[in-house]
Protein backbone atom coordinates (compact mmCIF):
# COMPACT_ATOMS: atom_id res chain seq x y z
CA MET A 1 -0.15 -0.03 -0.16
CA ALA A 2 1.50 3.30 -0.97
CA GLN A 3 1.77 5.99 1.53
CA ILE A 4 1.77 9.95 1.25
CA THR A 5 1.26 12.76 3.91
CA ALA A 6 -1.80 14.93 3.92
CA THR A 7 0.25 17.78 2.76
CA ASP A 8 1.48 15.90 -0.33
CA ALA A 9 -1.89 14.58 -1.00
CA LYS A 10 -3.25 18.19 -1.17
CA ASN A 11 -0.35 19.60 -3.46
CA ARG A 12 -0.42 16.55 -5.49
CA PHE A 13 -3.83 15.43 -5.60
CA GLY A 14 -3.99 14.41 -9.23
CA GLN A 15 -1.05 12.12 -9.06
CA VAL A 16 -2.62 10.66 -5.84
CA LEU A 17 -5.64 9.74 -7.76
CA GLU A 18 -3.51 8.14 -10.42
CA MET A 19 -1.68 6.28 -7.62
CA ALA A 20 -5.17 4.90 -6.25
CA GLN A 21 -5.86 3.45 -9.49
CA ALA A 22 -3.12 0.86 -9.08
CA GLU A 23 -3.15 0.36 -4.93
CA PRO A 24 -4.68 1.73 -2.06
CA VAL A 25 -3.01 4.84 -0.97
CA ARG A 26 -2.88 5.74 3.08
CA ILE A 27 -2.78 9.32 3.94
CA GLN A 28 -1.22 10.45 7.00
CA LYS A 29 -1.44 13.60 9.05
CA ASN A 30 1.10 14.05 12.02
CA GLY A 31 2.11 10.16 11.66
CA ARG A 32 -1.37 8.94 11.97
CA ASP A 33 -3.76 7.38 9.46
CA VAL A 34 -6.68 9.84 8.53
CA ALA A 35 -7.60 8.42 5.25
CA ILE A 36 -7.44 5.65 2.59
CA MET A 37 -8.05 6.42 -0.92
CA LEU A 38 -9.12 3.41 -3.10
CA SER A 39 -10.03 3.02 -6.77
CA PRO A 40 -13.93 2.58 -7.76
CA GLU A 41 -13.13 -1.23 -8.23
CA GLN A 42 -11.33 -1.56 -5.07
CA TYR A 43 -14.38 0.21 -3.30
CA ALA A 44 -16.95 -1.83 -5.13
CA ALA A 45 -14.98 -5.34 -4.22
CA LEU A 46 -14.86 -4.31 -0.49
CA VAL A 47 -18.58 -3.58 -0.56
CA ALA A 48 -19.78 -6.64 -2.19
CA GLU A 49 -17.37 -8.59 0.20
CA SER A 50 -19.22 -6.82 3.13
CA ASN A 51 -22.74 -7.92 1.49
CA VAL A 52 -21.64 -11.73 1.85
CA PRO A 53 -23.38 -13.31 4.95
CA ARG A 54 -20.72 -13.88 7.66
CA VAL A 55 -22.46 -16.72 9.03
CA ASN A 56 -21.81 -20.37 7.50
CA PRO A 57 -24.92 -21.43 5.59
CA LEU A 58 -24.23 -25.18 6.72
CA ILE A 59 -24.33 -23.66 10.49
CA VAL A 60 -27.72 -21.88 9.72
CA LYS A 61 -29.11 -25.37 8.27
CA LEU A 62 -27.83 -27.16 11.50
CA HIS A 63 -29.29 -24.54 13.69
CA GLY A 64 -32.66 -25.09 11.84
CA GLU A 65 -32.54 -28.68 12.38
CA SER A 66 -31.72 -28.28 16.14
CA VAL A 67 -34.31 -26.33 16.73
CA LYS A 68 -36.87 -28.71 14.88
CA ARG A 69 -35.30 -31.29 17.27
CA TRP A 70 -34.78 -29.81 20.31
CA GLY A 71 -37.35 -26.77 20.27
CA LYS A 72 -39.46 -27.86 23.49
CA VAL A 73 -36.19 -28.44 25.47
CA TYR A 74 -35.19 -25.17 24.67
CA GLU A 75 -38.26 -23.56 25.23
CA ALA A 76 -38.50 -25.39 28.66
CA LEU A 77 -35.12 -24.44 29.55
CA ALA A 78 -35.85 -20.69 28.61
CA LYS A 79 -38.71 -20.44 31.44
C-alpha cells in the first residue's frame, strides 16, 4: 500500500488519484492514518464482500434442524 502525507496529497492530488488506481493509498497526518484512497473497483469489491453473509450456511442449516429437534427442550430451559 502506498503512503503519503496529507500535505503531499493536497499538493499532488492528481498524482494521488492515479496512484489509487493501482493500489490503495494511505494518507497520514502527523504520523496517524487519516484516510485511505481507493479506486472505484477496489471500493466495489469491498462493498460486495461486506454484503456476503458472515454466518456459514451449514451452521444456519444445522441450527434450524436443532431447533426442530430440540425446540421444546429449548423452550423449557428458557422458562
